[in-house]
Amino acid sequence: MKKIFILSLMLFGVSLTACATMSPPEPTPTPDPFIVQGQNVFNARCATCHALVPDTIIIGPSLYGIATRAETRVAGQSAEEYILLSVLRPGDYVVEGFNNVMVTNLAKELTNEDMNALVAFLMTLK
């Protein structure tokens, strides 16, 4: 719904009237709590070694654009499967130019919900 605002003011003894049509501001989207949970898991467990900005290497490769790259890394495997298996079995998917130093016990340390939330968050990184 558009609102019409009429502004009248007196300036130097002259009355000026202006009319403007304004649309209400777009609502700010509410973040998906599951994605936020995944981002929190990432920040607590993954951000020590992986950056989310391009061309930034901490220890492991940057995860900027991981959702897009994951679509084509292994033929016949979805991006979600690739990301999940990369976390669960990091030795199976070592990115060229990197050594496998990633912990292998995340499956034991994270709940299924946290693991799924982490994958959901990483899938937002297109």
N, C-alpha and C. Protein backbone atom coordinates (compact mmCIF):
# COMPACT_ATOMS: atom_id res chain seq x y z
N MET A 1 0.84 -1.17 0.00
CA MET A 1 0.00 0.00 0.00
C MET A 1 0.89 1.24 0.00
N LYS A 2 0.64 2.15 -0.92
CA LYS A 2 1.40 3.38 -1.00
C LYS A 2 0.74 4.45 -0.15
N LYS A 3 1.57 5.27 0.44
CA LYS A 3 1.06 6.37 1.24
C LYS A 3 1.43 7.67 0.56
N ILE A 4 0.54 8.63 0.66
CA ILE A 4 0.78 9.94 0.09
C ILE A 4 1.03 10.90 1.24
N PHE A 5 2.13 11.60 1.13
CA PHE A 5 2.49 12.58 2.15
C PHE A 5 2.41 13.97 1.54
N ILE A 6 1.78 14.87 2.26
CA ILE A 6 1.69 16.26 1.81
C ILE A 6 2.48 17.09 2.81
N LEU A 7 3.39 17.85 2.28
CA LEU A 7 4.25 18.67 3.12
C LEU A 7 3.98 20.13 2.78
N SER A 8 3.61 20.88 3.77
CA SER A 8 3.41 22.31 3.59
C SER A 8 4.36 23.03 4.53
N LEU A 9 4.98 24.05 4.02
CA LEU A 9 5.81 24.87 4.89
C LEU A 9 5.79 26.31 4.43
N MET A 10 6.09 27.15 5.35
CA MET A 10 6.12 28.59 5.09
C MET A 10 7.59 28.98 5.05
N LEU A 11 8.03 29.48 3.92
CA LEU A 11 9.41 29.87 3.77
C LEU A 11 9.46 31.29 3.23
N PHE A 12 10.00 32.19 4.00
CA PHE A 12 10.13 33.60 3.64
C PHE A 12 8.78 34.19 3.22
N GLY A 13 7.76 33.80 3.96
CA GLY A 13 6.44 34.36 3.71
C GLY A 13 5.73 33.73 2.52
N VAL A 14 6.33 32.71 1.91
CA VAL A 14 5.71 32.05 0.76
C VAL A 14 5.33 30.64 1.20
N SER A 15 4.10 30.28 0.93
CA SER A 15 3.62 28.95 1.29
C SER A 15 3.96 27.98 0.17
N LEU A 16 4.67 26.91 0.52
CA LEU A 16 5.03 25.87 -0.46
C LEU A 16 4.34 24.57 -0.06
N THR A 17 3.81 23.87 -1.02
CA THR A 17 3.18 22.58 -0.75
C THR A 17 3.78 21.57 -1.71
N ALA A 18 4.17 20.43 -1.15
CA ALA A 18 4.74 19.36 -1.96
C ALA A 18 3.99 18.08 -1.64
N CYS A 19 3.91 17.22 -2.62
CA CYS A 19 3.21 15.96 -2.45
C CYS A 19 4.14 14.85 -2.92
N ALA A 20 4.26 13.81 -2.12
CA ALA A 20 5.13 12.69 -2.50
C ALA A 20 4.40 11.39 -2.24
N THR A 21 4.61 10.44 -3.12
CA THR A 21 4.06 9.11 -2.94
C THR A 21 5.21 8.21 -2.53
N MET A 22 5.01 7.52 -1.41
CA MET A 22 6.07 6.64 -0.91
C MET A 22 5.51 5.25 -0.67
N SER A 23 6.29 4.26 -1.03
CA SER A 23 5.93 2.88 -0.72
C SER A 23 6.51 2.53 0.63
N PRO A 24 5.85 1.65 1.33
CA PRO A 24 6.42 1.24 2.62
C PRO A 24 7.73 0.49 2.38
N PRO A 25 8.64 0.52 3.34
CA PRO A 25 9.91 -0.18 3.15
C PRO A 25 9.69 -1.69 3.05
N GLU A 26 10.57 -2.33 2.29
CA GLU A 26 10.52 -3.78 2.17
C GLU A 26 10.84 -4.39 3.54
N PRO A 27 10.11 -5.40 3.94
CA PRO A 27 10.42 -6.01 5.23
C PRO A 27 11.75 -6.75 5.17
N THR A 28 12.48 -6.72 6.26
CA THR A 28 13.73 -7.45 6.35
C THR A 28 13.41 -8.93 6.55
N PRO A 29 13.96 -9.78 5.69
CA PRO A 29 13.63 -11.20 5.83
C PRO A 29 14.13 -11.74 7.18
N THR A 30 13.33 -12.58 7.77
CA THR A 30 13.73 -13.22 9.02
C THR A 30 14.65 -14.39 8.68
N PRO A 31 15.83 -14.43 9.30
CA PRO A 31 16.74 -15.53 8.98
C PRO A 31 16.15 -16.88 9.40
N ASP A 32 16.40 -17.88 8.59
CA ASP A 32 15.95 -19.24 8.89
C ASP A 32 16.74 -19.73 10.11
N PRO A 33 16.06 -20.09 11.20
CA PRO A 33 16.76 -20.51 12.41
C PRO A 33 17.66 -21.73 12.20
N PHE A 34 17.27 -22.62 11.27
CA PHE A 34 18.09 -23.79 10.99
C PHE A 34 19.41 -23.38 10.34
N ILE A 35 19.34 -22.41 9.42
CA ILE A 35 20.55 -21.90 8.77
C ILE A 35 21.42 -21.19 9.79
N VAL A 36 20.81 -20.43 10.68
CA VAL A 36 21.56 -19.73 11.73
C VAL A 36 22.25 -20.76 12.63
N GLN A 37 21.56 -21.84 12.95
CA GLN A 37 22.16 -22.90 13.75
C GLN A 37 23.39 -23.47 13.03
N GLY A 38 23.25 -23.70 11.73
CA GLY A 38 24.38 -24.21 10.95
C GLY A 38 25.54 -23.23 10.90
N GLN A 39 25.22 -21.95 10.80
CA GLN A 39 26.28 -20.93 10.80
C GLN A 39 26.98 -20.91 12.15
N ASN A 40 26.23 -21.10 13.22
CA ASN A 40 26.84 -21.15 14.56
C ASN A 40 27.76 -22.36 14.69
N VAL A 41 27.33 -23.50 14.15
CA VAL A 41 28.19 -24.69 14.15
C VAL A 41 29.46 -24.40 13.36
N PHE A 42 29.29 -23.80 12.18
CA PHE A 42 30.45 -23.46 11.35
C PHE A 42 31.41 -22.56 12.13
N ASN A 43 30.87 -21.51 12.72
CA ASN A 43 31.73 -20.56 13.45
C ASN A 43 32.46 -21.23 14.61
N ALA A 44 31.79 -22.17 15.27
CA ALA A 44 32.40 -22.83 16.43
C ALA A 44 33.38 -23.93 16.03
N ARG A 45 33.14 -24.61 14.91
CA ARG A 45 33.92 -25.81 14.59
C ARG A 45 34.77 -25.70 13.32
N CYS A 46 34.38 -24.86 12.38
CA CYS A 46 35.02 -24.89 11.06
C CYS A 46 35.81 -23.63 10.72
N ALA A 47 35.38 -22.50 11.29
CA ALA A 47 35.97 -21.21 10.91
C ALA A 47 37.43 -21.07 11.31
N THR A 48 37.91 -21.92 12.19
CA THR A 48 39.32 -21.89 12.57
C THR A 48 40.20 -22.24 11.39
N CYS A 49 39.69 -23.07 10.50
CA CYS A 49 40.49 -23.55 9.37
C CYS A 49 39.99 -23.11 8.01
N HIS A 50 38.69 -22.78 7.90
CA HIS A 50 38.09 -22.45 6.60
C HIS A 50 37.52 -21.04 6.59
N ALA A 51 37.90 -20.27 5.58
CA ALA A 51 37.35 -18.92 5.37
C ALA A 51 36.08 -19.01 4.54
N LEU A 52 35.28 -17.96 4.60
CA LEU A 52 34.07 -17.87 3.78
C LEU A 52 34.19 -16.79 2.71
N VAL A 53 35.36 -16.24 2.55
CA VAL A 53 35.61 -15.23 1.52
C VAL A 53 36.51 -15.85 0.46
N PRO A 54 36.41 -15.40 -0.78
CA PRO A 54 37.19 -16.02 -1.85
C PRO A 54 38.69 -15.83 -1.67
N ASP A 55 39.43 -16.81 -2.16
CA ASP A 55 40.89 -16.74 -2.23
C ASP A 55 41.54 -16.48 -0.88
N THR A 56 40.94 -16.95 0.19
CA THR A 56 41.52 -16.79 1.52
C THR A 56 41.75 -18.18 2.10
N ILE A 57 42.99 -18.46 2.38
CA ILE A 57 43.34 -19.77 2.94
C ILE A 57 43.82 -19.55 4.36
N ILE A 58 43.17 -20.24 5.28
CA ILE A 58 43.62 -20.24 6.67
C ILE A 58 44.49 -21.49 6.83
N ILE A 59 43.86 -22.65 6.84
CA ILE A 59 44.56 -23.94 6.81
C ILE A 59 43.99 -24.76 5.66
N GLY A 60 42.67 -24.85 5.64
CA GLY A 60 41.99 -25.56 4.56
C GLY A 60 41.52 -24.58 3.50
N PRO A 61 40.93 -25.11 2.43
CA PRO A 61 40.47 -24.23 1.35
C PRO A 61 39.32 -23.34 1.80
N SER A 62 39.18 -22.21 1.13
CA SER A 62 38.04 -21.32 1.36
C SER A 62 36.76 -22.06 0.96
N LEU A 63 35.72 -21.86 1.74
CA LEU A 63 34.44 -22.49 1.41
C LEU A 63 33.50 -21.53 0.69
N TYR A 64 34.03 -20.39 0.26
CA TYR A 64 33.25 -19.46 -0.55
C TYR A 64 32.81 -20.20 -1.82
N GLY A 65 31.53 -20.21 -2.09
CA GLY A 65 31.01 -20.86 -3.30
C GLY A 65 30.98 -22.38 -3.23
N ILE A 66 31.12 -22.95 -2.04
CA ILE A 66 31.17 -24.41 -1.92
C ILE A 66 29.92 -25.08 -2.48
N ALA A 67 28.76 -24.48 -2.30
CA ALA A 67 27.52 -25.12 -2.77
C ALA A 67 27.53 -25.26 -4.29
N THR A 68 28.09 -24.31 -4.97
CA THR A 68 28.18 -24.38 -6.43
C THR A 68 29.23 -25.39 -6.87
N ARG A 69 30.40 -25.34 -6.25
CA ARG A 69 31.47 -26.28 -6.61
C ARG A 69 31.07 -27.72 -6.29
N ALA A 70 30.37 -27.92 -5.18
CA ALA A 70 30.01 -29.26 -4.74
C ALA A 70 29.09 -29.97 -5.74
N GLU A 71 28.35 -29.20 -6.53
CA GLU A 71 27.44 -29.79 -7.51
C GLU A 71 28.17 -30.63 -8.56
N THR A 72 29.44 -30.30 -8.83
CA THR A 72 30.17 -30.96 -9.92
C THR A 72 31.41 -31.71 -9.45
N ARG A 73 31.65 -31.80 -8.17
CA ARG A 73 32.88 -32.44 -7.69
C ARG A 73 32.89 -33.94 -7.93
N VAL A 74 31.78 -34.63 -7.68
CA VAL A 74 31.72 -36.08 -7.85
C VAL A 74 30.49 -36.40 -8.69
N ALA A 75 30.72 -37.02 -9.83
CA ALA A 75 29.62 -37.36 -10.74
C ALA A 75 28.60 -38.23 -10.02
N GLY A 76 27.31 -37.89 -10.22
CA GLY A 76 26.23 -38.65 -9.64
C GLY A 76 25.95 -38.36 -8.18
N GLN A 77 26.65 -37.40 -7.62
CA GLN A 77 26.47 -37.07 -6.21
C GLN A 77 25.94 -35.65 -6.10
N SER A 78 24.91 -35.47 -5.28
CA SER A 78 24.36 -34.12 -5.09
C SER A 78 25.34 -33.27 -4.29
N ALA A 79 25.13 -31.97 -4.35
CA ALA A 79 25.97 -31.06 -3.59
C ALA A 79 25.85 -31.34 -2.10
N GLU A 80 24.63 -31.60 -1.63
CA GLU A 80 24.42 -31.90 -0.20
C GLU A 80 25.19 -33.14 0.22
N GLU A 81 25.14 -34.19 -0.61
CA GLU A 81 25.86 -35.43 -0.31
C GLU A 81 27.36 -35.18 -0.26
N TYR A 82 27.85 -34.44 -1.25
CA TYR A 82 29.29 -34.16 -1.30
C TYR A 82 29.73 -33.41 -0.04
N ILE A 83 28.98 -32.39 0.34
CA ILE A 83 29.36 -31.60 1.51
C ILE A 83 29.30 -32.46 2.77
N LEU A 84 28.24 -33.22 2.94
CA LEU A 84 28.11 -34.07 4.12
C LEU A 84 29.26 -35.07 4.20
N LEU A 85 29.53 -35.76 3.11
CA LEU A 85 30.59 -36.75 3.11
C LEU A 85 31.97 -36.11 3.27
N SER A 86 32.13 -34.89 2.78
CA SER A 86 33.41 -34.18 2.96
C SER A 86 33.67 -33.90 4.42
N VAL A 87 32.60 -33.66 5.17
CA VAL A 87 32.75 -33.41 6.60
C VAL A 87 32.94 -34.72 7.35
N LEU A 88 32.15 -35.73 7.00
CA LEU A 88 32.21 -37.00 7.72
C LEU A 88 33.47 -37.81 7.40
N ARG A 89 33.90 -37.76 6.13
CA ARG A 89 35.07 -38.54 5.70
C ARG A 89 36.01 -37.63 4.90
N PRO A 90 36.64 -36.68 5.58
CA PRO A 90 37.44 -35.68 4.86
C PRO A 90 38.58 -36.26 4.04
N GLY A 91 39.07 -37.42 4.39
CA GLY A 91 40.16 -38.02 3.62
C GLY A 91 39.72 -38.48 2.24
N ASP A 92 38.42 -38.65 2.04
CA ASP A 92 37.91 -39.09 0.75
C ASP A 92 37.87 -37.97 -0.28
N TYR A 93 37.87 -36.72 0.19
CA TYR A 93 37.67 -35.58 -0.71
C TYR A 93 38.68 -34.47 -0.44
N VAL A 94 39.94 -34.78 -0.57
CA VAL A 94 40.97 -33.78 -0.31
C VAL A 94 41.11 -32.91 -1.56
N VAL A 95 40.98 -31.61 -1.37
CA VAL A 95 41.10 -30.66 -2.48
C VAL A 95 42.56 -30.59 -2.90
N GLU A 96 42.79 -30.62 -4.20
CA GLU A 96 44.15 -30.58 -4.73
C GLU A 96 44.92 -29.38 -4.16
N GLY A 97 46.13 -29.65 -3.74
CA GLY A 97 46.99 -28.60 -3.18
C GLY A 97 46.90 -28.48 -1.67
N PHE A 98 46.05 -29.31 -1.05
CA PHE A 98 45.88 -29.28 0.41
C PHE A 98 46.16 -30.66 0.98
N ASN A 99 46.66 -30.69 2.21
CA ASN A 99 46.84 -31.93 2.93
C ASN A 99 45.60 -32.17 3.79
N ASN A 100 45.29 -33.44 4.02
CA ASN A 100 44.14 -33.75 4.87
C ASN A 100 44.55 -33.65 6.34
N VAL A 101 44.24 -32.52 6.94
CA VAL A 101 44.49 -32.34 8.37
C VAL A 101 43.18 -32.12 9.13
N MET A 102 42.07 -32.31 8.45
CA MET A 102 40.77 -32.09 9.07
C MET A 102 40.46 -33.21 10.06
N VAL A 103 39.84 -32.82 11.17
CA VAL A 103 39.46 -33.82 12.18
C VAL A 103 38.47 -34.80 11.57
N THR A 104 38.53 -36.02 12.03
CA THR A 104 37.66 -37.06 11.46
C THR A 104 36.56 -37.50 12.42
N ASN A 105 36.44 -36.83 13.55
CA ASN A 105 35.45 -37.27 14.54
C ASN A 105 34.28 -36.31 14.70
N LEU A 106 34.03 -35.45 13.73
CA LEU A 106 32.90 -34.53 13.86
C LEU A 106 31.57 -35.26 13.98
N ALA A 107 31.44 -36.40 13.32
CA ALA A 107 30.19 -37.15 13.39
C ALA A 107 29.90 -37.59 14.82
N LYS A 108 30.93 -37.82 15.59
CA LYS A 108 30.75 -38.22 16.99
C LYS A 108 30.51 -37.02 17.90
N GLU A 109 30.99 -35.87 17.49
CA GLU A 109 30.92 -34.68 18.33
C GLU A 109 29.70 -33.81 18.06
N LEU A 110 29.12 -33.91 16.87
CA LEU A 110 27.94 -33.11 16.53
C LEU A 110 26.70 -33.99 16.54
N THR A 111 25.59 -33.39 16.92
CA THR A 111 24.32 -34.10 16.80
C THR A 111 23.94 -34.18 15.33
N ASN A 112 23.02 -35.07 15.00
CA ASN A 112 22.53 -35.14 13.62
C ASN A 112 21.93 -33.81 13.19
N GLU A 113 21.21 -33.16 14.12
CA GLU A 113 20.60 -31.87 13.80
C GLU A 113 21.67 -30.83 13.49
N ASP A 114 22.73 -30.78 14.30
CA ASP A 114 23.81 -29.82 14.04
C ASP A 114 24.50 -30.11 12.71
N MET A 115 24.72 -31.39 12.42
CA MET A 115 25.37 -31.76 11.16
C MET A 115 24.49 -31.35 9.98
N ASN A 116 23.19 -31.61 10.06
CA ASN A 116 22.28 -31.23 8.98
C ASN A 116 22.19 -29.71 8.85
N ALA A 117 22.21 -29.01 9.98
CA ALA A 117 22.17 -27.55 9.95
C ALA A 117 23.45 -27.01 9.31
N LEU A 118 24.59 -27.61 9.63
CA LEU A 118 25.86 -27.19 9.03
C LEU A 118 25.81 -27.36 7.51
N VAL A 119 25.33 -28.50 7.05
CA VAL A 119 25.21 -28.73 5.60
C VAL A 119 24.26 -27.71 4.98
N ALA A 120 23.15 -27.45 5.65
CA ALA A 120 22.17 -26.46 5.13
C ALA A 120 22.82 -25.08 5.03
N PHE A 121 23.60 -24.71 6.04
CA PHE A 121 24.29 -23.42 5.98
C PHE A 121 25.29 -23.40 4.82
N LEU A 122 26.09 -24.44 4.69
CA LEU A 122 27.08 -24.47 3.61
C LEU A 122 26.41 -24.46 2.23
N MET A 123 25.20 -24.99 2.14
CA MET A 123 24.46 -24.95 0.87
C MET A 123 24.01 -23.55 0.50
N THR A 124 24.06 -22.61 1.43
CA THR A 124 23.72 -21.22 1.11
C THR A 124 24.90 -20.48 0.49
N LEU A 125 26.07 -21.10 0.51
CA LEU A 125 27.29 -20.44 0.01
C LEU A 125 27.47 -20.74 -1.47
N LYS A 126 26.70 -20.07 -2.28
CA LYS A 126 26.72 -20.30 -3.73
C LYS A 126 27.73 -19.41 -4.41
